[in-house]
Amino acid sequence: MDIPMENDSDPPLGKGSDTPMDMGDDFDIPMRDRSSSTISNSSSSANISDASFTPSIASNNSGCTTPPHATGRSDDVPQRPGRRAVVTQVGPIRPLFLTEPSVPLPLTVGIELEMLLVYDLKATNMDYGDHDAILMMVIKALSSAGVNACHEWDTLDLHEGDSAKYARWGVGVDMSAGDAHPAYDSDQGCLCRSEKRAWGCTDFMDYHRRRDEYGFLGLELKSPKYALDGGDDWRDDVRRTLKVLHGHFDDRASGDCFRLYQHDTTGVHVHVGVGTQTERHRLPLESVKSFMQLVTGFERITDELHATTRFDSRAQYCAPPSQHYRWIIPQWLRGRDHVEAVDDANAVVRARYDNGETCEMDNSVVRWCQEIEKIGELNDIEGYENRETAYNLQNLDVDADGNFCGDCKGTIEFRQHRGTTDADEIFAWVEVVTSMVRFAHTTALTGSMLSIVKQHVYDPAMGLGGFLHMIGVADKTVDYYSKHVEKPAASELPGSRLTPLTSDLARRRQQQKDPAQVMRAILLRLASGDYGVPIEVSRQLVREKYPPVDAAPPDYKWKCEPPEMFPLKY
């Protein structure tokens, strides 16, 4: 069956919205005959129905520890209900995948990897701060192994819609991940050691050595644009790229000339778009609203997927949705290691909603999702103006004609995951985020995300496994998250100059992902009201869902030795 596509004769669209301007009465398209061009008049409303479903909460205890890349669903998850499409336009029909839930939503993914590259100045014959020379060295290593890579500047002149713009790996500098300010003092060395508070408190700055020893570069690699359902070719490309990086710049058996690290401020960013490698489509506004209700309503549960530094007050590059309604004081300003919320959250709400209807609103997560339901334009979504959020929507911006603005990629950018060069960890996260988008879109067509949030957000029985099954994540990937064990970092050779840095970052990394520490951070946020959970519900969750602070949930099989406790340095 040919799928009709959008063309230049589409009706005009309002800014930031996928809803056409007023075209008259609503119309229904019967679903029994998709090929029919007959459109029957109807008096029904364009609002989505209130249908919902109850997911399975049963835990999965299969023995697989490697995340697969299948698209299967758990047998015990109820099927989504059918629906009748409702549109508000007369004219060319949009692609069926935007209006018909039975047609899979084609998605593209782009992956950005942030890391710290440490290099021996003498061995590389490089000057400190000669970033272009280091980048060219990385590009040469990748290219010699068959990876299609270039300097990120080489694609700047290409239009955002040009498929060639995202056909290669882009290699560039990341300011948040490394020492991108090569300034020195004759006595102290790198000035970042005295100015580190102003540069995000990156811990590796404590380990800078003499000017003639090591350089530190924040490195970022941006993948090509991949078709998610295009088979395993894209996964093979990612694995090959990571293998080259490890072989050339992180081989600890061959000396200490190079190292790759992922510290607190590095992340994995995943861009999810609708379309193919050569075509882009707008995700409907109702689907975007459904997505924001999903991630806002279930933030407390999705935090279980992440390291503590990616959702507590240190998450300055990936602010959670709740921060738009609750105010989290940046930890690096306070020099403390726990989350603190403003006592009177309603004062913040009044400042944001300067009208009589909402100034006295109850500051609950359900009310937050109700506010999202009322939104009429994309840029009215809370936090839209901030790129450094867990879910960046700025690349969805369209102009008055419905075209993507400027360099907008047409994607939702997921920024919350910690930095990693572990392919399995990356693939598992890609499956989660793409499942979120598809589930939100299907729910916008068939039911109401607000109803789902109301049904499950305060339920102690709704845990991570139930959430992942609900959004359609494969069973084996759910099992990967429930039994994931932090891989110990490879040890340094005896006498390595990088042993202190390697040991400290490995210890921190293990602690930040320890399930007991993750639960501790979630409980602190819950107690301070960050999740918008009423106090009586919070007490119930503590009694029935969350274990004692020093214990891990029984679903986790944590096999690493408990990390040594140490103070955070700020």
Protein backbone atom coordinates (compact mmCIF):
# COMPACT_ATOMS: atom_id res chain seq x y z
CA MET A 1 0.00 0.00 0.00
CA ASP A 2 1.34 3.42 -0.99
CA ILE A 3 1.43 5.82 1.93
CA PRO A 4 0.26 9.33 0.96
CA MET A 5 2.79 11.94 1.97
CA GLU A 6 2.65 15.63 2.80
CA ASN A 7 3.12 18.11 -0.03
CA ASP A 8 3.23 21.80 -0.65
CA SER A 9 -0.56 22.04 -0.78
CA ASP A 10 -1.03 21.30 2.91
CA PRO A 11 -3.23 23.84 4.71
CA PRO A 12 -1.41 26.54 6.69
CA LEU A 13 -0.35 25.66 10.21
CA GLY A 14 -0.19 27.83 13.29
CA LYS A 15 3.25 28.52 14.76
CA GLY A 16 4.58 25.69 16.86
CA SER A 17 1.47 23.58 16.24
CA ASP A 18 0.61 20.61 14.07
CA THR A 19 -3.06 21.64 14.11
CA PRO A 20 -4.28 23.47 10.99
CA MET A 21 -5.96 26.82 11.29
CA ASP A 22 -9.76 26.73 11.58
CA MET A 23 -11.04 24.84 8.53
CA GLY A 24 -14.65 24.43 9.63
CA ASP A 25 -16.37 21.38 11.06
CA ASP A 26 -14.49 18.30 12.25
CA PHE A 27 -14.40 15.23 10.06
CA ASP A 28 -14.05 11.50 10.74
CA ILE A 29 -12.18 9.09 8.50
CA PRO A 30 -13.60 5.55 8.69
CA MET A 31 -10.81 3.10 9.40
CA ARG A 32 -12.36 0.06 7.73
CA ASP A 33 -11.37 1.20 4.24
CA ARG A 34 -8.10 3.15 4.31
CA SER A 35 -7.95 3.40 0.53
CA SER A 36 -11.29 5.18 0.32
CA SER A 37 -11.19 8.89 -0.40
CA THR A 38 -14.69 9.44 0.94
CA ILE A 39 -14.79 11.70 3.96
CA SER A 40 -18.00 11.65 5.98
CA ASN A 41 -19.21 14.59 7.99
CA SER A 42 -19.41 14.12 11.75
CA SER A 43 -20.38 16.16 14.74
CA SER A 44 -17.81 14.51 16.98
CA SER A 45 -15.16 16.57 18.72
CA ALA A 46 -11.51 16.57 17.68
CA ASN A 47 -10.50 15.79 21.26
CA ILE A 48 -8.86 12.45 21.87
CA SER A 49 -10.86 9.87 23.78
CA ASP A 50 -10.27 9.02 27.41
CA ALA A 51 -9.46 5.37 26.71
CA SER A 52 -6.60 3.84 28.65
CA PHE A 53 -5.26 0.48 29.69
CA THR A 54 -3.58 -1.13 32.66
CA PRO A 55 -0.02 -2.42 32.13
CA SER A 56 1.38 -5.58 33.59
CA ILE A 57 3.42 -4.96 36.72
CA ALA A 58 4.82 -8.47 36.99
CA SER A 59 8.58 -8.51 37.19
CA ASN A 60 10.70 -10.34 34.65
CA ASN A 61 13.21 -12.79 36.05
CA SER A 62 14.75 -14.34 32.94
CA GLY A 63 18.45 -14.97 33.02
CA CYS A 64 19.66 -12.81 30.13
CA THR A 65 22.15 -10.15 31.16
CA THR A 66 22.91 -8.71 27.70
CA PRO A 67 20.35 -6.25 26.30
CA PRO A 68 18.94 -7.54 23.01
CA HIS A 69 17.82 -5.32 20.23
CA ALA A 70 14.56 -7.06 19.46
CA THR A 71 11.21 -5.34 19.24
CA GLY A 72 9.09 -7.97 20.98
CA ARG A 73 6.59 -7.23 23.67
CA SER A 74 5.78 -9.04 26.87
CA ASP A 75 2.92 -11.51 26.35
CA ASP A 76 1.16 -10.31 29.48
CA VAL A 77 0.87 -6.66 28.40
CA PRO A 78 -2.75 -5.90 27.35
CA GLN A 79 -3.27 -4.78 23.78
CA ARG A 80 -3.95 -1.12 23.18
CA PRO A 81 -7.59 -0.38 22.29
CA GLY A 82 -8.63 0.48 18.77
CA ARG A 83 -9.85 3.95 17.81
CA ARG A 84 -11.43 6.00 15.11
CA ALA A 85 -9.19 8.66 13.61
CA VAL A 86 -10.41 12.21 14.03
CA VAL A 87 -8.89 15.05 12.02
CA THR A 88 -9.72 18.71 11.63
CA GLN A 89 -8.79 19.32 8.01
CA VAL A 90 -10.07 18.74 4.50
CA GLY A 91 -7.41 18.18 1.88
CA PRO A 92 -4.32 16.04 1.37
CA ILE A 93 -4.04 13.27 3.93
CA ARG A 94 -0.93 13.16 6.07
CA PRO A 95 1.19 10.00 6.24
CA LEU A 96 -0.81 7.22 7.86
CA PHE A 97 1.82 6.72 10.55
CA LEU A 98 0.91 10.15 11.93
CA THR A 99 -2.82 9.39 12.13
CA GLU A 100 -3.21 5.61 12.29
CA PRO A 101 -1.92 3.79 15.40
CA SER A 102 -1.69 0.46 13.59
CA VAL A 103 0.99 1.88 11.27
CA PRO A 104 4.40 1.89 13.05
CA LEU A 105 5.92 5.31 13.53
CA PRO A 106 9.20 5.39 11.55
CA LEU A 107 11.94 6.83 13.73
CA THR A 108 15.48 8.03 13.23
CA VAL A 109 18.15 8.21 15.91
CA GLY A 110 21.34 10.19 16.26
CA ILE A 111 23.75 9.57 19.13
CA GLU A 112 26.12 12.07 20.73
CA LEU A 113 28.91 10.72 22.93
CA GLU A 114 30.76 12.98 25.37
CA MET A 115 34.02 11.94 26.99
CA LEU A 116 37.28 13.24 28.41
CA LEU A 117 40.41 12.50 26.38
CA VAL A 118 43.65 12.66 28.36
CA TYR A 119 46.81 12.68 26.25
CA ASP A 120 50.54 12.70 26.95
CA LEU A 121 51.97 15.89 25.47
CA LYS A 122 55.46 14.52 24.82
CA ALA A 123 54.30 11.23 23.33
CA THR A 124 51.90 12.96 20.97
CA ASN A 125 54.24 15.88 20.26
CA MET A 126 51.28 18.20 20.84
CA ASP A 127 51.03 21.61 22.41
CA TYR A 128 48.56 21.98 25.27
CA GLY A 129 45.34 23.45 23.91
CA ASP A 130 46.00 22.48 20.27
CA HIS A 131 42.53 21.00 20.01
CA ASP A 132 42.37 20.82 16.23
CA ALA A 133 45.49 18.68 16.09
CA ILE A 134 44.03 16.27 18.65
CA LEU A 135 40.72 16.11 16.78
CA MET A 136 42.50 15.34 13.52
CA MET A 137 44.38 12.55 15.27
CA VAL A 138 41.07 11.03 16.39
CA ILE A 139 39.55 11.44 12.92
CA LYS A 140 42.56 9.76 11.32
CA ALA A 141 42.32 6.80 13.72
CA LEU A 142 38.63 6.36 12.94
CA SER A 143 39.04 6.77 9.20
CA SER A 144 41.90 4.28 9.00
CA ALA A 145 39.59 1.67 10.56
CA GLY A 146 36.83 2.29 8.02
CA VAL A 147 34.69 4.65 10.10
CA ASN A 148 33.33 7.54 8.03
CA ALA A 149 34.36 10.51 10.19
CA CYS A 150 35.07 14.21 9.74
CA HIS A 151 35.56 17.39 11.74
CA GLU A 152 32.18 18.68 12.87
CA TRP A 153 32.91 21.98 11.15
CA ASP A 154 32.92 20.23 7.76
CA THR A 155 29.12 19.95 7.85
CA LEU A 156 28.26 23.41 9.20
CA ASP A 157 27.48 24.85 5.76
CA LEU A 158 25.05 22.05 4.89
CA HIS A 159 21.34 22.69 5.36
CA GLU A 160 19.71 20.87 8.25
CA GLY A 161 17.50 18.91 5.85
CA ASP A 162 20.44 17.78 3.70
CA SER A 163 20.96 14.03 4.21
CA ALA A 164 24.72 14.51 3.73
CA LYS A 165 24.83 16.59 6.92
CA TYR A 166 24.37 13.47 9.05
CA ALA A 167 26.00 10.82 6.89
CA ARG A 168 29.29 10.79 8.84
CA TRP A 169 30.54 10.78 12.41
CA GLY A 170 31.28 14.34 13.47
CA VAL A 171 34.24 14.83 15.81
CA GLY A 172 34.47 17.99 17.88
CA VAL A 173 35.19 19.66 21.23
CA ASP A 174 32.75 19.53 24.13
CA MET A 175 33.16 22.42 26.56
CA SER A 176 31.28 20.72 29.40
CA ALA A 177 33.43 17.58 29.37
CA GLY A 178 36.99 18.86 29.38
CA ASP A 179 39.49 21.62 29.98
CA ALA A 180 38.72 23.93 27.09
CA HIS A 181 40.47 26.93 28.65
CA PRO A 182 44.26 26.42 28.47
CA ALA A 183 45.38 29.17 30.84
CA TYR A 184 48.42 28.77 33.07
CA ASP A 185 50.08 30.31 36.07
CA SER A 186 53.83 29.89 36.51
CA ASP A 187 53.46 28.54 40.05
CA GLN A 188 50.10 26.77 40.13
CA GLY A 189 49.85 25.32 36.65
CA CYS A 190 46.45 25.15 34.96
CA LEU A 191 44.26 27.95 36.31
CA CYS A 192 41.21 25.69 36.27
CA ARG A 193 42.37 24.34 39.61
CA SER A 194 41.72 27.72 41.18
CA GLU A 195 38.65 28.49 39.05
CA LYS A 196 37.02 25.06 39.06
CA ARG A 197 33.92 26.24 40.92
CA ALA A 198 33.13 28.49 37.98
CA TRP A 199 33.67 25.63 35.52
CA GLY A 200 31.21 23.10 36.93
CA CYS A 201 33.43 21.41 39.51
CA THR A 202 34.70 18.70 37.15
CA ASP A 203 36.65 16.38 39.38
CA PHE A 204 39.49 15.60 37.01
CA MET A 205 40.72 19.15 37.46
CA ASP A 206 42.20 18.07 40.78
CA TYR A 207 44.59 15.82 38.89
CA HIS A 208 46.16 18.19 36.40
CA ARG A 209 49.88 17.69 36.37
CA ARG A 210 52.71 19.85 35.08
CA ARG A 211 52.24 21.74 31.86
CA ASP A 212 54.62 19.44 30.02
CA GLU A 213 52.86 16.19 30.99
CA TYR A 214 49.18 15.80 30.07
CA GLY A 215 46.49 17.63 28.19
CA PHE A 216 42.77 17.32 28.86
CA LEU A 217 40.25 17.62 26.03
CA GLY A 218 36.47 17.32 26.16
CA LEU A 219 35.72 15.16 23.14
CA GLU A 220 32.33 14.77 21.47
CA LEU A 221 31.39 12.34 18.71
CA LYS A 222 28.11 12.75 16.83
CA SER A 223 26.88 9.71 14.96
CA PRO A 224 25.29 9.66 11.51
CA LYS A 225 21.51 9.78 11.30
CA TYR A 226 20.27 6.20 11.56
CA ALA A 227 16.95 4.62 10.63
CA LEU A 228 15.92 2.85 13.83
CA ASP A 229 14.24 -0.06 12.06
CA GLY A 230 16.94 -0.43 9.42
CA GLY A 231 18.36 -3.63 10.88
CA ASP A 232 21.58 -3.98 12.84
CA ASP A 233 23.78 -1.94 10.49
CA TRP A 234 23.62 1.12 12.71
CA ARG A 235 24.46 -0.90 15.81
CA ASP A 236 27.43 -2.41 13.99
CA ASP A 237 28.60 1.09 13.07
CA VAL A 238 28.40 2.25 16.69
CA ARG A 239 30.24 -0.85 17.95
CA ARG A 240 32.98 -0.42 15.36
CA THR A 241 33.46 3.24 16.29
CA LEU A 242 33.66 2.48 20.01
CA LYS A 243 36.10 -0.37 19.36
CA VAL A 244 38.42 1.99 17.49
CA LEU A 245 38.26 4.56 20.28
CA HIS A 246 39.08 1.98 22.94
CA GLY A 247 41.86 0.43 20.87
CA HIS A 248 43.64 3.68 20.06
CA PHE A 249 42.95 5.84 23.10
CA ASP A 250 42.07 3.60 26.05
CA ASP A 251 44.29 0.52 25.83
CA ARG A 252 45.62 0.33 29.37
CA ALA A 253 47.87 -2.61 28.60
CA SER A 254 49.99 -0.52 26.25
CA GLY A 255 50.93 2.36 28.55
CA ASP A 256 49.45 5.62 29.76
CA CYS A 257 49.80 7.92 26.76
CA PHE A 258 46.02 8.18 26.27
CA ARG A 259 42.91 7.64 28.33
CA LEU A 260 39.17 8.05 27.79
CA TYR A 261 37.04 8.86 30.82
CA GLN A 262 33.39 9.56 31.49
CA HIS A 263 33.01 11.82 34.52
CA ASP A 264 30.06 13.62 36.10
CA THR A 265 29.41 16.18 33.37
CA THR A 266 29.66 13.84 30.38
CA GLY A 267 26.51 12.39 28.86
CA VAL A 268 25.01 10.37 26.04
CA HIS A 269 22.49 12.42 24.08
CA VAL A 270 20.05 10.67 21.75
CA HIS A 271 18.10 12.57 19.07
CA VAL A 272 14.85 10.87 18.06
CA GLY A 273 13.08 12.09 14.93
CA VAL A 274 10.13 11.00 12.81
CA GLY A 275 10.84 9.92 9.24
CA THR A 276 13.69 8.32 7.36
CA GLN A 277 17.30 9.19 6.64
CA THR A 278 16.15 11.44 3.78
CA GLU A 279 12.74 12.68 5.00
CA ARG A 280 11.63 14.52 8.13
CA HIS A 281 8.14 14.83 9.55
CA ARG A 282 6.64 16.84 12.38
CA LEU A 283 5.53 14.95 15.44
CA PRO A 284 1.96 16.22 16.05
CA LEU A 285 1.55 18.64 18.92
CA GLU A 286 -0.83 16.27 20.72
CA SER A 287 1.88 13.59 20.59
CA VAL A 288 4.49 15.99 21.98
CA LYS A 289 2.13 16.94 24.81
CA SER A 290 1.49 13.25 25.48
CA PHE A 291 5.24 12.68 25.61
CA MET A 292 5.80 15.50 28.09
CA GLN A 293 3.00 14.17 30.30
CA LEU A 294 4.67 10.74 30.21
CA VAL A 295 8.13 11.96 31.25
CA THR A 296 6.75 14.45 33.78
CA GLY A 297 4.32 12.04 35.37
CA PHE A 298 6.76 9.13 35.61
CA GLU A 299 9.96 11.08 36.37
CA ARG A 300 10.32 9.41 39.77
CA ILE A 301 10.35 5.99 38.08
CA THR A 302 12.62 6.81 35.14
CA ASP A 303 15.17 8.25 37.57
CA GLU A 304 15.87 4.63 38.55
CA LEU A 305 17.53 4.19 35.14
CA HIS A 306 20.14 6.85 35.76
CA ALA A 307 23.21 7.69 37.79
CA THR A 308 22.51 10.02 40.70
CA THR A 309 24.40 12.90 39.08
CA ARG A 310 21.91 12.88 36.20
CA PHE A 311 18.80 13.66 38.24
CA ASP A 312 19.85 15.32 41.50
CA SER A 313 20.84 18.96 41.80
CA ARG A 314 24.13 18.34 39.99
CA ALA A 315 22.23 17.73 36.74
CA GLN A 316 22.84 21.24 35.46
CA TYR A 317 23.06 20.10 31.81
CA CYS A 318 19.94 17.88 31.92
CA ALA A 319 17.38 19.53 34.20
CA PRO A 320 14.41 17.22 34.94
CA PRO A 321 10.84 18.19 33.96
CA SER A 322 9.87 18.79 37.58
CA GLN A 323 12.40 21.61 37.80
CA HIS A 324 10.03 23.73 35.73
CA TYR A 325 7.52 23.51 38.58
CA ARG A 326 9.79 23.03 41.59
CA TRP A 327 12.99 24.97 42.16
CA ILE A 328 16.12 22.91 42.80
CA ILE A 329 19.03 24.95 44.16
CA PRO A 330 22.16 24.06 42.15
CA GLN A 331 24.33 21.88 44.31
CA TRP A 332 27.57 23.34 43.07
CA LEU A 333 26.47 26.73 44.44
CA ARG A 334 25.83 25.28 47.88
CA GLY A 335 28.79 22.91 48.12
CA ARG A 336 26.52 20.15 49.44
CA ASP A 337 25.68 16.72 48.09
CA HIS A 338 21.92 16.43 48.50
CA VAL A 339 18.83 17.85 46.88
CA GLU A 340 17.04 20.84 48.37
CA ALA A 341 13.74 22.25 47.11
CA VAL A 342 12.19 25.59 47.91
CA ASP A 343 9.79 25.16 50.84
CA ASP A 344 6.94 27.14 49.36
CA ALA A 345 6.67 25.68 45.87
CA ASN A 346 3.40 27.48 45.23
CA ALA A 347 5.29 30.77 45.21
CA VAL A 348 7.24 29.48 42.23
CA VAL A 349 4.03 28.42 40.54
CA ARG A 350 2.54 31.89 41.07
CA ALA A 351 5.62 33.44 39.49
CA ARG A 352 5.23 31.22 36.43
CA TYR A 353 1.44 31.31 36.12
CA ASP A 354 0.44 34.92 36.61
CA ASN A 355 -3.30 34.41 36.47
CA GLY A 356 -6.11 33.80 38.96
CA GLU A 357 -6.89 30.29 37.78
CA THR A 358 -3.49 28.79 38.43
CA CYS A 359 -1.83 30.99 41.05
CA GLU A 360 -3.39 28.92 43.83
CA MET A 361 -3.11 25.56 42.04
CA ASP A 362 -2.08 22.53 44.03
CA ASN A 363 1.53 21.81 43.17
CA SER A 364 1.11 18.14 42.28
CA VAL A 365 2.44 16.12 39.38
CA VAL A 366 -1.12 15.42 38.23
CA ARG A 367 -1.79 19.16 38.08
CA TRP A 368 1.43 19.65 36.12
CA CYS A 369 0.18 17.16 33.54
CA GLN A 370 -3.21 18.88 33.46
CA GLU A 371 -1.45 22.13 32.60
CA ILE A 372 0.36 20.38 29.73
CA GLU A 373 -3.04 19.19 28.46
CA LYS A 374 -4.15 22.82 27.98
CA ILE A 375 -1.18 23.86 25.84
CA GLY A 376 -2.02 25.14 22.36
CA GLU A 377 1.46 25.81 20.98
CA LEU A 378 4.74 23.97 21.25
CA ASN A 379 6.66 26.88 22.70
CA ASP A 380 4.14 27.19 25.54
CA ILE A 381 5.41 23.95 27.09
CA GLU A 382 7.17 24.65 30.38
CA GLY A 383 10.95 24.57 29.97
CA TYR A 384 10.81 24.83 26.18
CA GLU A 385 13.15 27.82 26.20
CA ASN A 386 15.86 25.84 28.02
CA ARG A 387 17.99 23.54 25.85
CA GLU A 388 19.84 22.00 28.78
CA THR A 389 16.95 19.86 29.98
CA ALA A 390 16.51 16.11 30.18
CA TYR A 391 14.16 16.34 27.18
CA ASN A 392 15.08 19.15 24.81
CA LEU A 393 12.21 20.12 22.47
CA GLN A 394 13.79 23.12 20.75
CA ASN A 395 14.61 21.13 17.61
CA LEU A 396 10.87 20.70 16.95
CA ASP A 397 10.26 24.42 16.39
CA VAL A 398 8.44 25.28 13.16
CA ASP A 399 7.65 28.58 11.45
CA ALA A 400 4.24 29.94 10.46
CA ASP A 401 4.28 27.79 7.31
CA GLY A 402 4.90 24.61 9.25
CA ASN A 403 8.55 24.24 8.20
CA PHE A 404 11.30 23.51 10.69
CA CYS A 405 13.00 26.72 11.77
CA GLY A 406 16.64 27.39 10.92
CA ASP A 407 18.85 24.51 11.98
CA CYS A 408 16.13 22.60 13.86
CA LYS A 409 16.71 18.89 13.44
CA GLY A 410 13.08 17.88 13.92
CA THR A 411 14.00 15.73 16.92
CA ILE A 412 13.46 15.31 20.63
CA GLU A 413 16.86 15.30 22.31
CA PHE A 414 17.22 12.99 25.31
CA ARG A 415 20.06 14.39 27.44
CA GLN A 416 19.76 12.63 30.79
CA HIS A 417 21.86 9.48 30.36
CA ARG A 418 25.34 9.49 31.86
CA GLY A 419 28.39 9.38 29.63
CA THR A 420 29.43 5.90 28.51
CA THR A 421 31.31 4.09 25.76
CA ASP A 422 29.62 0.77 26.55
CA ALA A 423 27.67 -0.23 23.42
CA ASP A 424 25.15 -2.40 25.27
CA GLU A 425 24.32 0.42 27.67
CA ILE A 426 23.82 2.81 24.76
CA PHE A 427 21.59 0.42 22.81
CA ALA A 428 19.40 -0.30 25.84
CA TRP A 429 18.86 3.43 26.38
CA VAL A 430 18.07 3.99 22.69
CA GLU A 431 15.36 1.34 22.95
CA VAL A 432 13.88 3.04 26.00
CA VAL A 433 13.74 6.54 24.49
CA THR A 434 12.33 5.41 21.15
CA SER A 435 9.72 3.34 22.99
CA MET A 436 8.77 6.47 24.95
CA VAL A 437 8.14 8.40 21.73
CA ARG A 438 6.13 5.66 20.06
CA PHE A 439 4.06 5.00 23.18
CA ALA A 440 3.31 8.71 23.63
CA HIS A 441 2.27 9.06 19.99
CA THR A 442 0.05 5.96 20.04
CA THR A 443 -1.55 7.05 23.30
CA ALA A 444 -2.31 10.48 21.83
CA LEU A 445 -4.18 8.73 19.01
CA THR A 446 -5.96 6.06 21.04
CA GLY A 447 -6.49 7.41 24.54
CA SER A 448 -5.24 9.87 27.12
CA MET A 449 -1.81 10.04 28.72
CA LEU A 450 -3.31 12.13 31.50
CA SER A 451 -5.57 9.19 32.38
CA ILE A 452 -2.59 6.85 32.47
CA VAL A 453 -0.67 9.23 34.73
CA LYS A 454 -3.63 9.53 37.09
CA GLN A 455 -3.99 5.75 37.20
CA HIS A 456 -0.39 4.87 37.99
CA VAL A 457 1.65 7.81 39.28
CA TYR A 458 0.74 7.30 42.94
CA ASP A 459 0.52 3.48 42.80
CA PRO A 460 3.26 1.79 44.90
CA ALA A 461 2.95 -1.28 42.66
CA MET A 462 4.03 0.69 39.58
CA GLY A 463 7.77 0.19 39.34
CA LEU A 464 10.47 0.40 36.71
CA GLY A 465 9.68 -3.01 35.22
CA GLY A 466 5.99 -2.20 34.87
CA PHE A 467 6.78 1.17 33.31
CA LEU A 468 9.19 -0.29 30.75
CA HIS A 469 6.70 -3.00 29.79
CA MET A 470 3.94 -0.38 29.51
CA ILE A 471 5.85 1.68 26.95
CA GLY A 472 6.77 -1.42 24.94
CA VAL A 473 10.41 -2.11 25.84
CA ALA A 474 11.46 -5.68 25.02
CA ASP A 475 11.53 -8.17 27.90
CA LYS A 476 15.25 -8.85 27.60
CA THR A 477 16.08 -5.17 27.85
CA VAL A 478 13.86 -4.85 30.91
CA ASP A 479 15.82 -7.74 32.37
CA TYR A 480 19.08 -5.99 31.49
CA TYR A 481 18.09 -3.01 33.60
CA SER A 482 16.81 -5.10 36.51
CA LYS A 483 20.02 -7.15 36.74
CA HIS A 484 22.59 -4.72 35.37
CA VAL A 485 25.93 -4.92 37.10
CA GLU A 486 28.38 -2.07 36.83
CA LYS A 487 31.41 -3.28 34.94
CA PRO A 488 34.59 -2.61 36.95
CA ALA A 489 37.05 -0.30 35.27
CA ALA A 490 40.22 -1.85 33.92
CA SER A 491 43.13 -1.35 36.26
CA GLU A 492 46.21 0.64 35.38
CA LEU A 493 49.64 -0.85 34.91
CA PRO A 494 51.93 -0.61 37.95
CA GLY A 495 53.54 2.80 38.13
CA SER A 496 51.09 4.51 35.80
CA ARG A 497 50.92 8.25 36.29
CA LEU A 498 47.15 8.10 35.75
CA THR A 499 46.37 5.64 38.55
CA PRO A 500 44.99 8.29 40.99
CA LEU A 501 42.69 9.77 38.34
CA THR A 502 41.53 6.38 37.05
CA SER A 503 40.82 5.04 40.54
CA ASP A 504 38.92 8.10 41.73
CA LEU A 505 36.68 8.37 38.68
CA ALA A 506 35.98 4.63 38.68
CA ARG A 507 35.01 4.75 42.35
CA ARG A 508 32.70 7.70 41.81
CA ARG A 509 31.14 6.12 38.76
CA GLN A 510 30.36 2.90 40.58
CA GLN A 511 28.87 4.74 43.54
CA GLN A 512 26.66 6.96 41.40
CA LYS A 513 25.02 3.95 39.73
CA ASP A 514 24.82 1.74 42.83
CA PRO A 515 21.08 0.95 43.22
CA ALA A 516 21.24 1.73 46.95
CA GLN A 517 22.64 5.19 46.20
CA VAL A 518 20.09 5.73 43.43
CA MET A 519 17.26 4.86 45.81
CA ARG A 520 18.74 7.19 48.43
CA ALA A 521 18.75 10.10 45.98
CA ILE A 522 15.18 9.34 44.86
CA LEU A 523 14.00 9.24 48.47
CA LEU A 524 15.63 12.61 49.14
CA ARG A 525 13.84 14.11 46.15
CA LEU A 526 10.59 12.48 47.19
CA ALA A 527 10.88 13.82 50.74
CA SER A 528 11.61 17.34 49.52
CA GLY A 529 8.59 17.39 47.22
CA ASP A 530 10.48 17.51 43.94
CA TYR A 531 8.27 14.89 42.26
CA GLY A 532 5.01 16.67 43.04
CA VAL A 533 3.73 13.77 45.15
CA PRO A 534 1.37 14.70 48.02
CA ILE A 535 2.84 14.11 51.46
CA GLU A 536 0.41 11.32 52.37
CA VAL A 537 1.23 9.50 49.12
CA SER A 538 4.96 9.99 49.74
CA ARG A 539 4.61 8.29 53.11
CA GLN A 540 2.75 5.39 51.51
CA LEU A 541 5.43 5.00 48.84
CA VAL A 542 8.16 4.95 51.48
CA ARG A 543 6.29 2.25 53.41
CA GLU A 544 5.26 0.05 50.49
CA LYS A 545 7.63 0.65 47.58
CA TYR A 546 11.03 1.86 48.65
CA PRO A 547 13.44 -0.21 50.76
CA PRO A 548 15.48 1.13 53.67
CA VAL A 549 17.95 3.79 52.57
CA ASP A 550 20.96 1.48 52.78
CA ALA A 551 19.35 -1.42 50.90
CA ALA A 552 18.86 -2.04 47.20
CA PRO A 553 15.53 -3.11 45.72
CA PRO A 554 15.15 -6.90 45.63
CA ASP A 555 14.84 -6.85 41.83
CA TYR A 556 18.44 -5.72 41.50
CA LYS A 557 21.26 -8.27 41.52
CA TRP A 558 24.13 -6.00 42.52
CA LYS A 559 27.31 -8.08 42.55
CA CYS A 560 30.02 -5.44 42.89
CA GLU A 561 31.70 -4.86 46.21
CA PRO A 562 30.27 -1.81 48.01
CA PRO A 563 32.29 1.24 46.95
CA GLU A 564 34.46 3.02 49.46
CA MET A 565 32.63 6.02 50.87
CA PHE A 566 34.38 9.30 50.28
CA PRO A 567 33.42 12.98 50.42
CA LEU A 568 32.46 14.78 47.23
CA LYS A 569 34.93 17.52 46.32
CA TYR A 570 33.57 20.95 45.51
